[in-house]
């Protein structure tokens, strides 16, 4: 009776790590697309702020 016990390598933690990397990538891509969506609004706010930044050089 000669039986071989072959141990399979457990890939559970590799799957968990791969899933975590994929999820971080997806979240990062969603955040970057949100930033691009609001860029025109940020530019408009910056332009308005620069127009409102008026110095009074001489007080009467």
Protein backbone atom coordinates (compact mmCIF):
# COMPACT_ATOMS: atom_id res chain seq x y z
CA UNK A 1 0.00 0.00 0.00
CA UNK A 2 2.04 2.91 -1.33
CA UNK A 3 -0.01 6.11 -1.43
CA UNK A 4 1.45 9.51 -2.11
CA UNK A 5 0.16 12.52 -0.29
CA UNK A 6 0.46 15.37 -2.72
CA UNK A 7 -0.20 18.72 -1.12
CA UNK A 8 -1.87 21.30 -3.26
CA UNK A 9 -0.62 24.82 -2.91
CA UNK A 10 -3.18 27.10 -1.31
CA UNK A 11 -3.80 30.14 -3.52
CA UNK A 12 -6.38 31.77 -1.22
CA UNK A 13 -4.16 34.70 -0.17
CA UNK A 14 -3.06 35.28 -3.77
CA UNK A 15 -6.71 35.58 -4.77
CA UNK A 16 -7.40 37.95 -1.88
CA UNK A 17 -4.39 40.11 -2.77
CA UNK A 18 -5.37 40.16 -6.46
CA UNK A 19 -8.92 41.15 -5.62
CA UNK A 20 -7.69 43.92 -3.31
CA UNK A 21 -5.40 45.29 -6.04
CA UNK A 22 -8.24 45.26 -8.56
CA UNK A 23 -10.59 47.04 -6.15
CA UNK A 24 -8.01 49.73 -5.39
CA UNK A 25 -7.50 50.24 -9.13
CA UNK A 26 -11.22 50.57 -9.77
CA UNK A 27 -11.66 53.06 -6.92
CA UNK A 28 -8.70 55.11 -8.17
CA UNK A 29 -10.13 55.21 -11.70
CA UNK A 30 -13.54 56.33 -10.41
CA UNK A 31 -11.97 59.09 -8.31
CA UNK A 32 -9.91 60.33 -11.28
CA UNK A 33 -13.01 60.49 -13.47
CA UNK A 34 -14.79 62.51 -10.76
CA UNK A 35 -11.91 64.98 -10.70
CA UNK A 36 -12.11 65.42 -14.47
CA UNK A 37 -15.86 65.96 -14.24
CA UNK A 38 -15.50 68.91 -11.87
CA UNK A 39 -12.49 70.58 -13.56
CA UNK A 40 -14.59 73.18 -15.49
CA UNK A 41 -16.30 74.22 -12.26
CA UNK A 42 -12.95 74.58 -10.49
CA UNK A 43 -11.63 76.70 -13.35
CA UNK A 44 -14.67 78.96 -13.19
CA UNK A 45 -14.32 79.37 -9.42
CA UNK A 46 -10.62 80.20 -9.77
CA UNK A 47 -11.40 82.76 -12.46
CA UNK A 48 -14.10 84.39 -10.33
CA UNK A 49 -11.79 84.49 -7.32
CA UNK A 50 -9.05 86.15 -9.36
CA UNK A 51 -11.52 88.75 -10.65
CA UNK A 52 -12.71 89.49 -7.12
CA UNK A 53 -9.17 89.87 -5.79
CA UNK A 54 -9.03 93.65 -6.07
CA UNK A 55 -6.56 95.62 -4.00
CA UNK A 56 -7.28 99.08 -2.79
CA UNK A 57 -4.04 100.96 -3.35
CA UNK A 58 -5.10 104.35 -2.10
CA UNK A 59 -7.63 105.09 0.58
CA UNK A 60 -9.30 108.48 0.57
